[in-house]
Amino acid sequence: MSDTHVHPSGRISVPWSTAAQATLHCLTGCAIGEVLGMVIGTALGLSTWATVALAVALAFLFGYALTMRGVLRAGVGFRQAVRVALAADTLSIAVMEIVDNAVMVSVPGAMEAGVTSVVFWGALAFALLVAFVVTLPVNRWMIGRGRGHAVVHAYHGH
């Protein structure tokens, strides 16, 4: 966060590029879990809501795991790494998953299309893009208040 500026109110002005990096990190974990959940759910013929539940659970799992990986490498114990991941990622992943899945289920036929369909993959890519755009200002707001990925940066020497 080298280009940050502190306002007299104590708020930190966070560059959009910093927020974009945090959001991309979140998107990576979410996308891994989301894609895996959607592929497994549709391949097994699960209902739309069972598939969404699986995708959301895996998105949180992979999102937290990616954050914990870096924090653990910094020498932090497992329990503290879990706390850091929860503090850093919960709101960001939640927003991303709400938006992503709302878009996915609103695209006609996307959930029923199957993993070999362009409709399925196109809808999923579009849903993840929309989720990134919506989550970006959320992450910027959190980092500016010392929350979200600002918590993780403390463990990376930033």
N, C-alpha and C. Protein backbone atom coordinates (compact mmCIF):
# COMPACT_ATOMS: atom_id res chain seq x y z
N MET A 1 0.83 -1.18 0.00
CA MET A 1 0.00 0.00 0.00
C MET A 1 0.88 1.24 0.00
N SER A 2 1.80 1.31 -0.91
CA SER A 2 2.77 2.40 -0.94
C SER A 2 2.18 3.72 -1.38
N ASP A 3 1.10 3.72 -2.13
CA ASP A 3 0.51 4.97 -2.62
C ASP A 3 -0.65 5.44 -1.76
N THR A 4 -0.74 4.95 -0.53
CA THR A 4 -1.84 5.34 0.33
C THR A 4 -1.56 6.69 0.96
N HIS A 5 -2.63 7.40 1.29
CA HIS A 5 -2.54 8.69 1.96
C HIS A 5 -3.52 8.68 3.13
N VAL A 6 -3.10 9.23 4.27
CA VAL A 6 -3.96 9.28 5.44
C VAL A 6 -4.67 10.63 5.47
N HIS A 7 -6.00 10.59 5.54
CA HIS A 7 -6.81 11.80 5.65
C HIS A 7 -6.80 12.28 7.09
N PRO A 8 -7.12 13.55 7.33
CA PRO A 8 -7.20 14.04 8.72
C PRO A 8 -8.17 13.23 9.57
N SER A 9 -9.16 12.63 8.96
CA SER A 9 -10.14 11.82 9.69
C SER A 9 -9.55 10.48 10.15
N GLY A 10 -8.34 10.17 9.68
CA GLY A 10 -7.71 8.90 10.01
C GLY A 10 -7.96 7.83 8.96
N ARG A 11 -8.87 8.11 8.03
CA ARG A 11 -9.12 7.17 6.94
C ARG A 11 -7.93 7.15 6.01
N ILE A 12 -7.70 6.02 5.39
CA ILE A 12 -6.59 5.87 4.46
C ILE A 12 -7.15 5.91 3.04
N SER A 13 -6.54 6.73 2.19
CA SER A 13 -6.91 6.75 0.78
C SER A 13 -6.16 5.61 0.09
N VAL A 14 -6.91 4.66 -0.42
CA VAL A 14 -6.33 3.46 -1.00
C VAL A 14 -6.41 3.55 -2.53
N PRO A 15 -5.31 3.36 -3.21
CA PRO A 15 -5.35 3.36 -4.68
C PRO A 15 -6.23 2.21 -5.19
N TRP A 16 -6.90 2.45 -6.29
CA TRP A 16 -7.73 1.41 -6.89
C TRP A 16 -6.89 0.19 -7.25
N SER A 17 -5.62 0.39 -7.61
CA SER A 17 -4.77 -0.75 -7.98
C SER A 17 -4.55 -1.68 -6.79
N THR A 18 -4.44 -1.12 -5.59
CA THR A 18 -4.28 -1.93 -4.38
C THR A 18 -5.54 -2.74 -4.13
N ALA A 19 -6.68 -2.07 -4.27
CA ALA A 19 -7.96 -2.77 -4.09
C ALA A 19 -8.14 -3.84 -5.16
N ALA A 20 -7.69 -3.55 -6.38
CA ALA A 20 -7.82 -4.52 -7.47
C ALA A 20 -6.98 -5.76 -7.18
N GLN A 21 -5.78 -5.58 -6.63
CA GLN A 21 -4.94 -6.73 -6.29
C GLN A 21 -5.61 -7.59 -5.22
N ALA A 22 -6.18 -6.95 -4.20
CA ALA A 22 -6.88 -7.68 -3.15
C ALA A 22 -8.09 -8.41 -3.71
N THR A 23 -8.81 -7.75 -4.59
CA THR A 23 -10.01 -8.35 -5.18
C THR A 23 -9.64 -9.50 -6.11
N LEU A 24 -8.57 -9.36 -6.83
CA LEU A 24 -8.11 -10.43 -7.70
C LEU A 24 -7.69 -11.65 -6.87
N HIS A 25 -7.05 -11.40 -5.73
CA HIS A 25 -6.69 -12.49 -4.83
C HIS A 25 -7.95 -13.21 -4.36
N CYS A 26 -8.94 -12.43 -3.96
CA CYS A 26 -10.21 -13.00 -3.52
C CYS A 26 -10.88 -13.76 -4.65
N LEU A 27 -10.87 -13.18 -5.83
CA LEU A 27 -11.50 -13.80 -6.99
C LEU A 27 -10.84 -15.14 -7.32
N THR A 28 -9.53 -15.22 -7.15
CA THR A 28 -8.82 -16.46 -7.46
C THR A 28 -9.33 -17.61 -6.60
N GLY A 29 -9.36 -17.39 -5.29
CA GLY A 29 -9.87 -18.44 -4.40
C GLY A 29 -11.33 -18.74 -4.65
N CYS A 30 -12.13 -17.69 -4.82
CA CYS A 30 -13.56 -17.87 -5.08
C CYS A 30 -13.78 -18.61 -6.39
N ALA A 31 -13.04 -18.24 -7.41
CA ALA A 31 -13.23 -18.86 -8.72
C ALA A 31 -12.87 -20.34 -8.70
N ILE A 32 -11.80 -20.69 -8.01
CA ILE A 32 -11.42 -22.10 -7.91
C ILE A 32 -12.56 -22.89 -7.28
N GLY A 33 -13.04 -22.42 -6.14
CA GLY A 33 -14.13 -23.11 -5.45
C GLY A 33 -15.43 -23.06 -6.21
N GLU A 34 -15.73 -21.91 -6.77
CA GLU A 34 -16.98 -21.72 -7.51
C GLU A 34 -17.03 -22.63 -8.74
N VAL A 35 -15.96 -22.63 -9.53
CA VAL A 35 -15.93 -23.47 -10.73
C VAL A 35 -16.00 -24.94 -10.34
N LEU A 36 -15.21 -25.33 -9.35
CA LEU A 36 -15.23 -26.72 -8.91
C LEU A 36 -16.62 -27.12 -8.43
N GLY A 37 -17.25 -26.28 -7.62
CA GLY A 37 -18.59 -26.57 -7.11
C GLY A 37 -19.63 -26.64 -8.22
N MET A 38 -19.57 -25.69 -9.15
CA MET A 38 -20.52 -25.69 -10.27
C MET A 38 -20.32 -26.92 -11.16
N VAL A 39 -19.08 -27.27 -11.42
CA VAL A 39 -18.80 -28.44 -12.27
C VAL A 39 -19.27 -29.72 -11.57
N ILE A 40 -18.93 -29.88 -10.31
CA ILE A 40 -19.35 -31.08 -9.58
C ILE A 40 -20.87 -31.14 -9.49
N GLY A 41 -21.49 -30.02 -9.10
CA GLY A 41 -22.95 -30.00 -8.94
C GLY A 41 -23.70 -30.29 -10.22
N THR A 42 -23.27 -29.66 -11.31
CA THR A 42 -23.98 -29.89 -12.57
C THR A 42 -23.67 -31.28 -13.13
N ALA A 43 -22.44 -31.75 -12.96
CA ALA A 43 -22.08 -33.09 -13.45
C ALA A 43 -22.86 -34.18 -12.71
N LEU A 44 -23.11 -33.95 -11.42
CA LEU A 44 -23.85 -34.93 -10.63
C LEU A 44 -25.36 -34.75 -10.74
N GLY A 45 -25.77 -33.69 -11.44
CA GLY A 45 -27.20 -33.43 -11.59
C GLY A 45 -27.86 -32.93 -10.32
N LEU A 46 -27.09 -32.28 -9.45
CA LEU A 46 -27.67 -31.73 -8.22
C LEU A 46 -28.64 -30.61 -8.58
N SER A 47 -29.53 -30.32 -7.67
CA SER A 47 -30.45 -29.20 -7.88
C SER A 47 -29.66 -27.89 -7.94
N THR A 48 -30.30 -26.86 -8.45
CA THR A 48 -29.64 -25.55 -8.54
C THR A 48 -29.14 -25.11 -7.17
N TRP A 49 -29.98 -25.21 -6.15
CA TRP A 49 -29.60 -24.69 -4.83
C TRP A 49 -28.54 -25.56 -4.16
N ALA A 50 -28.56 -26.87 -4.39
CA ALA A 50 -27.50 -27.73 -3.86
C ALA A 50 -26.17 -27.41 -4.54
N THR A 51 -26.22 -27.15 -5.83
CA THR A 51 -25.01 -26.79 -6.57
C THR A 51 -24.47 -25.45 -6.08
N VAL A 52 -25.35 -24.48 -5.89
CA VAL A 52 -24.93 -23.17 -5.37
C VAL A 52 -24.32 -23.33 -3.98
N ALA A 53 -24.95 -24.11 -3.12
CA ALA A 53 -24.42 -24.31 -1.77
C ALA A 53 -23.03 -24.94 -1.81
N LEU A 54 -22.85 -25.93 -2.66
CA LEU A 54 -21.54 -26.57 -2.80
C LEU A 54 -20.51 -25.57 -3.32
N ALA A 55 -20.88 -24.80 -4.34
CA ALA A 55 -19.96 -23.81 -4.92
C ALA A 55 -19.57 -22.75 -3.89
N VAL A 56 -20.52 -22.27 -3.11
CA VAL A 56 -20.23 -21.26 -2.09
C VAL A 56 -19.31 -21.84 -1.01
N ALA A 57 -19.61 -23.04 -0.55
CA ALA A 57 -18.76 -23.66 0.48
C ALA A 57 -17.33 -23.82 -0.02
N LEU A 58 -17.18 -24.29 -1.23
CA LEU A 58 -15.83 -24.47 -1.79
C LEU A 58 -15.15 -23.13 -2.05
N ALA A 59 -15.90 -22.12 -2.43
CA ALA A 59 -15.31 -20.78 -2.64
C ALA A 59 -14.74 -20.24 -1.33
N PHE A 60 -15.48 -20.37 -0.25
CA PHE A 60 -14.96 -19.94 1.05
C PHE A 60 -13.74 -20.77 1.44
N LEU A 61 -13.82 -22.07 1.26
CA LEU A 61 -12.70 -22.95 1.61
C LEU A 61 -11.43 -22.56 0.86
N PHE A 62 -11.53 -22.43 -0.46
CA PHE A 62 -10.35 -22.10 -1.26
C PHE A 62 -9.90 -20.66 -1.02
N GLY A 63 -10.84 -19.74 -0.83
CA GLY A 63 -10.48 -18.36 -0.54
C GLY A 63 -9.68 -18.25 0.75
N TYR A 64 -10.19 -18.88 1.80
CA TYR A 64 -9.47 -18.87 3.07
C TYR A 64 -8.13 -19.60 2.95
N ALA A 65 -8.11 -20.72 2.25
CA ALA A 65 -6.87 -21.50 2.11
C ALA A 65 -5.77 -20.70 1.41
N LEU A 66 -6.12 -19.95 0.38
CA LEU A 66 -5.10 -19.15 -0.31
C LEU A 66 -4.51 -18.08 0.61
N THR A 67 -5.36 -17.45 1.39
CA THR A 67 -4.86 -16.44 2.33
C THR A 67 -4.00 -17.10 3.40
N MET A 68 -4.47 -18.21 3.93
CA MET A 68 -3.72 -18.89 4.99
C MET A 68 -2.36 -19.37 4.49
N ARG A 69 -2.29 -19.78 3.26
CA ARG A 69 -1.01 -20.25 2.70
C ARG A 69 0.07 -19.19 2.84
N GLY A 70 -0.24 -17.96 2.45
CA GLY A 70 0.74 -16.88 2.55
C GLY A 70 1.05 -16.51 3.99
N VAL A 71 0.05 -16.51 4.84
CA VAL A 71 0.24 -16.15 6.24
C VAL A 71 1.07 -17.23 6.95
N LEU A 72 0.79 -18.48 6.66
CA LEU A 72 1.57 -19.58 7.25
C LEU A 72 3.03 -19.51 6.81
N ARG A 73 3.26 -19.14 5.54
CA ARG A 73 4.64 -18.98 5.04
C ARG A 73 5.39 -17.89 5.80
N ALA A 74 4.66 -16.93 6.32
CA ALA A 74 5.28 -15.84 7.08
C ALA A 74 5.63 -16.28 8.50
N GLY A 75 5.36 -17.55 8.83
CA GLY A 75 5.73 -18.08 10.13
C GLY A 75 4.66 -17.97 11.19
N VAL A 76 3.46 -17.64 10.82
CA VAL A 76 2.36 -17.52 11.76
C VAL A 76 1.79 -18.91 12.04
N GLY A 77 1.38 -19.15 13.28
CA GLY A 77 0.79 -20.44 13.63
C GLY A 77 -0.55 -20.64 12.95
N PHE A 78 -0.99 -21.90 12.91
CA PHE A 78 -2.20 -22.26 12.18
C PHE A 78 -3.43 -21.53 12.73
N ARG A 79 -3.62 -21.52 14.03
CA ARG A 79 -4.81 -20.88 14.61
C ARG A 79 -4.86 -19.39 14.30
N GLN A 80 -3.71 -18.73 14.39
CA GLN A 80 -3.66 -17.31 14.07
C GLN A 80 -3.89 -17.09 12.57
N ALA A 81 -3.37 -17.98 11.75
CA ALA A 81 -3.58 -17.88 10.30
C ALA A 81 -5.07 -18.01 9.96
N VAL A 82 -5.77 -18.88 10.66
CA VAL A 82 -7.22 -19.01 10.46
C VAL A 82 -7.90 -17.70 10.82
N ARG A 83 -7.54 -17.12 11.96
CA ARG A 83 -8.14 -15.84 12.38
C ARG A 83 -7.87 -14.73 11.37
N VAL A 84 -6.64 -14.68 10.86
CA VAL A 84 -6.29 -13.66 9.86
C VAL A 84 -7.12 -13.86 8.60
N ALA A 85 -7.24 -15.09 8.14
CA ALA A 85 -8.01 -15.37 6.92
C ALA A 85 -9.48 -15.00 7.11
N LEU A 86 -10.04 -15.34 8.26
CA LEU A 86 -11.44 -14.99 8.53
C LEU A 86 -11.63 -13.47 8.53
N ALA A 87 -10.72 -12.77 9.19
CA ALA A 87 -10.82 -11.31 9.25
C ALA A 87 -10.59 -10.65 7.89
N ALA A 88 -9.68 -11.21 7.13
CA ALA A 88 -9.31 -10.60 5.86
C ALA A 88 -10.31 -10.86 4.74
N ASP A 89 -10.91 -12.04 4.74
CA ASP A 89 -11.63 -12.48 3.54
C ASP A 89 -13.14 -12.65 3.66
N THR A 90 -13.67 -12.73 4.84
CA THR A 90 -15.09 -13.10 4.99
C THR A 90 -16.03 -12.17 4.23
N LEU A 91 -15.93 -10.87 4.45
CA LEU A 91 -16.85 -9.94 3.78
C LEU A 91 -16.63 -9.96 2.27
N SER A 92 -15.39 -9.96 1.85
CA SER A 92 -15.07 -9.95 0.43
C SER A 92 -15.62 -11.20 -0.27
N ILE A 93 -15.39 -12.36 0.32
CA ILE A 93 -15.89 -13.60 -0.28
C ILE A 93 -17.41 -13.61 -0.26
N ALA A 94 -18.01 -13.17 0.82
CA ALA A 94 -19.47 -13.17 0.92
C ALA A 94 -20.09 -12.31 -0.18
N VAL A 95 -19.57 -11.10 -0.36
CA VAL A 95 -20.09 -10.22 -1.41
C VAL A 95 -19.90 -10.86 -2.77
N MET A 96 -18.70 -11.38 -2.99
CA MET A 96 -18.40 -11.98 -4.29
C MET A 96 -19.33 -13.17 -4.56
N GLU A 97 -19.57 -13.99 -3.58
CA GLU A 97 -20.42 -15.16 -3.77
C GLU A 97 -21.89 -14.80 -3.95
N ILE A 98 -22.37 -13.83 -3.23
CA ILE A 98 -23.76 -13.39 -3.41
C ILE A 98 -23.97 -12.90 -4.84
N VAL A 99 -23.07 -12.03 -5.29
CA VAL A 99 -23.20 -11.46 -6.63
C VAL A 99 -23.01 -12.53 -7.69
N ASP A 100 -21.96 -13.30 -7.57
CA ASP A 100 -21.65 -14.34 -8.56
C ASP A 100 -22.81 -15.31 -8.73
N ASN A 101 -23.32 -15.82 -7.63
CA ASN A 101 -24.39 -16.80 -7.71
C ASN A 101 -25.72 -16.19 -8.13
N ALA A 102 -25.97 -14.95 -7.74
CA ALA A 102 -27.19 -14.27 -8.20
C ALA A 102 -27.17 -14.13 -9.71
N VAL A 103 -26.02 -13.75 -10.25
CA VAL A 103 -25.90 -13.63 -11.71
C VAL A 103 -26.05 -15.01 -12.36
N MET A 104 -25.37 -15.99 -11.81
CA MET A 104 -25.38 -17.32 -12.42
C MET A 104 -26.80 -17.89 -12.48
N VAL A 105 -27.56 -17.79 -11.40
CA VAL A 105 -28.91 -18.37 -11.42
C VAL A 105 -29.89 -17.52 -12.22
N SER A 106 -29.54 -16.26 -12.47
CA SER A 106 -30.45 -15.40 -13.24
C SER A 106 -30.26 -15.54 -14.76
N VAL A 107 -29.17 -16.15 -15.19
CA VAL A 107 -28.96 -16.36 -16.63
C VAL A 107 -29.80 -17.57 -17.04
N PRO A 108 -30.79 -17.36 -17.89
CA PRO A 108 -31.68 -18.47 -18.27
C PRO A 108 -30.91 -19.67 -18.83
N GLY A 109 -31.15 -20.82 -18.22
CA GLY A 109 -30.57 -22.07 -18.71
C GLY A 109 -29.14 -22.34 -18.30
N ALA A 110 -28.49 -21.40 -17.64
CA ALA A 110 -27.07 -21.58 -17.31
C ALA A 110 -26.84 -22.75 -16.36
N MET A 111 -27.66 -22.86 -15.34
CA MET A 111 -27.46 -23.91 -14.34
C MET A 111 -27.82 -25.30 -14.89
N GLU A 112 -28.69 -25.33 -15.87
CA GLU A 112 -29.11 -26.60 -16.46
C GLU A 112 -28.27 -26.98 -17.69
N ALA A 113 -27.44 -26.07 -18.15
CA ALA A 113 -26.74 -26.26 -19.43
C ALA A 113 -25.71 -27.38 -19.40
N GLY A 114 -25.09 -27.62 -18.27
CA GLY A 114 -24.07 -28.66 -18.20
C GLY A 114 -22.68 -28.13 -18.51
N VAL A 115 -21.69 -28.86 -18.06
CA VAL A 115 -20.31 -28.39 -18.13
C VAL A 115 -19.72 -28.38 -19.53
N THR A 116 -20.37 -28.97 -20.48
CA THR A 116 -19.86 -28.94 -21.85
C THR A 116 -20.48 -27.81 -22.67
N SER A 117 -21.31 -27.02 -22.04
CA SER A 117 -22.05 -25.97 -22.75
C SER A 117 -21.35 -24.62 -22.69
N VAL A 118 -21.36 -23.92 -23.80
CA VAL A 118 -20.84 -22.55 -23.86
C VAL A 118 -21.69 -21.63 -22.97
N VAL A 119 -22.98 -21.92 -22.88
CA VAL A 119 -23.87 -21.12 -22.03
C VAL A 119 -23.41 -21.19 -20.58
N PHE A 120 -23.10 -22.39 -20.11
CA PHE A 120 -22.64 -22.57 -18.73
C PHE A 120 -21.36 -21.77 -18.48
N TRP A 121 -20.35 -21.98 -19.31
CA TRP A 121 -19.05 -21.34 -19.10
C TRP A 121 -19.12 -19.83 -19.33
N GLY A 122 -19.90 -19.41 -20.31
CA GLY A 122 -20.06 -17.98 -20.56
C GLY A 122 -20.75 -17.28 -19.39
N ALA A 123 -21.79 -17.91 -18.87
CA ALA A 123 -22.51 -17.35 -17.72
C ALA A 123 -21.60 -17.30 -16.50
N LEU A 124 -20.83 -18.35 -16.29
CA LEU A 124 -19.94 -18.39 -15.13
C LEU A 124 -18.84 -17.32 -15.24
N ALA A 125 -18.27 -17.17 -16.41
CA ALA A 125 -17.24 -16.13 -16.60
C ALA A 125 -17.84 -14.74 -16.39
N PHE A 126 -19.02 -14.52 -16.94
CA PHE A 126 -19.70 -13.23 -16.77
C PHE A 126 -20.03 -12.98 -15.30
N ALA A 127 -20.51 -14.00 -14.60
CA ALA A 127 -20.85 -13.88 -13.19
C ALA A 127 -19.62 -13.51 -12.35
N LEU A 128 -18.49 -14.14 -12.64
CA LEU A 128 -17.26 -13.83 -11.91
C LEU A 128 -16.77 -12.41 -12.22
N LEU A 129 -16.92 -11.97 -13.44
CA LEU A 129 -16.55 -10.60 -13.81
C LEU A 129 -17.41 -9.58 -13.06
N VAL A 130 -18.71 -9.80 -13.05
CA VAL A 130 -19.60 -8.89 -12.33
C VAL A 130 -19.27 -8.89 -10.83
N ALA A 131 -19.00 -10.06 -10.28
CA ALA A 131 -18.64 -10.17 -8.86
C ALA A 131 -17.36 -9.38 -8.56
N PHE A 132 -16.39 -9.44 -9.45
CA PHE A 132 -15.15 -8.68 -9.27
C PHE A 132 -15.45 -7.18 -9.23
N VAL A 133 -16.24 -6.71 -10.19
CA VAL A 133 -16.55 -5.28 -10.28
C VAL A 133 -17.30 -4.79 -9.04
N VAL A 134 -18.22 -5.59 -8.54
CA VAL A 134 -18.99 -5.19 -7.36
C VAL A 134 -18.14 -5.26 -6.09
N THR A 135 -17.26 -6.24 -6.00
CA THR A 135 -16.45 -6.44 -4.79
C THR A 135 -15.28 -5.46 -4.71
N LEU A 136 -14.82 -4.95 -5.83
CA LEU A 136 -13.68 -4.02 -5.86
C LEU A 136 -13.85 -2.83 -4.90
N PRO A 137 -14.94 -2.06 -4.97
CA PRO A 137 -15.07 -0.94 -4.03
C PRO A 137 -15.25 -1.38 -2.57
N VAL A 138 -15.79 -2.58 -2.37
CA VAL A 138 -15.92 -3.11 -1.01
C VAL A 138 -14.53 -3.32 -0.43
N ASN A 139 -13.64 -3.94 -1.20
CA ASN A 139 -12.28 -4.18 -0.73
C ASN A 139 -11.52 -2.86 -0.52
N ARG A 140 -11.72 -1.91 -1.40
CA ARG A 140 -11.06 -0.60 -1.24
C ARG A 140 -11.51 0.06 0.06
N TRP A 141 -12.80 0.00 0.33
CA TRP A 141 -13.36 0.58 1.54
C TRP A 141 -12.78 -0.12 2.78
N MET A 142 -12.71 -1.46 2.76
CA MET A 142 -12.19 -2.21 3.91
C MET A 142 -10.71 -1.92 4.14
N ILE A 143 -9.92 -1.92 3.08
CA ILE A 143 -8.48 -1.67 3.23
C ILE A 143 -8.26 -0.27 3.79
N GLY A 144 -9.06 0.69 3.35
CA GLY A 144 -8.94 2.07 3.83
C GLY A 144 -9.25 2.22 5.30
N ARG A 145 -9.87 1.22 5.87
CA ARG A 145 -10.18 1.23 7.30
C ARG A 145 -9.34 0.22 8.08
N GLY A 146 -8.27 -0.27 7.43
CA GLY A 146 -7.37 -1.21 8.10
C GLY A 146 -7.93 -2.60 8.23
N ARG A 147 -8.92 -2.92 7.43
CA ARG A 147 -9.57 -4.23 7.47
C ARG A 147 -9.31 -4.97 6.15
N GLY A 148 -9.90 -6.14 6.03
CA GLY A 148 -9.75 -6.90 4.79
C GLY A 148 -8.31 -7.27 4.54
N HIS A 149 -7.86 -7.07 3.33
CA HIS A 149 -6.50 -7.48 2.97
C HIS A 149 -5.43 -6.62 3.62
N ALA A 150 -5.80 -5.51 4.23
CA ALA A 150 -4.83 -4.73 5.00
C ALA A 150 -4.30 -5.58 6.15
N VAL A 151 -5.14 -6.45 6.69
CA VAL A 151 -4.73 -7.34 7.79
C VAL A 151 -3.66 -8.31 7.29
N VAL A 152 -3.83 -8.82 6.09
CA VAL A 152 -2.88 -9.78 5.54
C VAL A 152 -1.54 -9.12 5.24
N HIS A 153 -1.58 -7.89 4.75
CA HIS A 153 -0.34 -7.19 4.40
C HIS A 153 0.61 -7.07 5.57
N ALA A 154 0.10 -7.01 6.78
CA ALA A 154 0.95 -6.93 7.96
C ALA A 154 1.84 -8.16 8.10
N TYR A 155 1.40 -9.29 7.55
CA TYR A 155 2.16 -10.53 7.65
C TYR A 155 3.09 -10.74 6.46
N HIS A 156 3.05 -9.84 5.52
CA HIS A 156 3.92 -9.94 4.34
C HIS A 156 4.96 -8.85 4.32
N GLY A 157 5.07 -8.11 5.38
CA GLY A 157 6.08 -7.06 5.45
C GLY A 157 5.72 -5.82 4.67
N HIS A 158 4.41 -5.66 4.30
CA HIS A 158 3.97 -4.46 3.56
C HIS A 158 3.65 -3.35 4.50
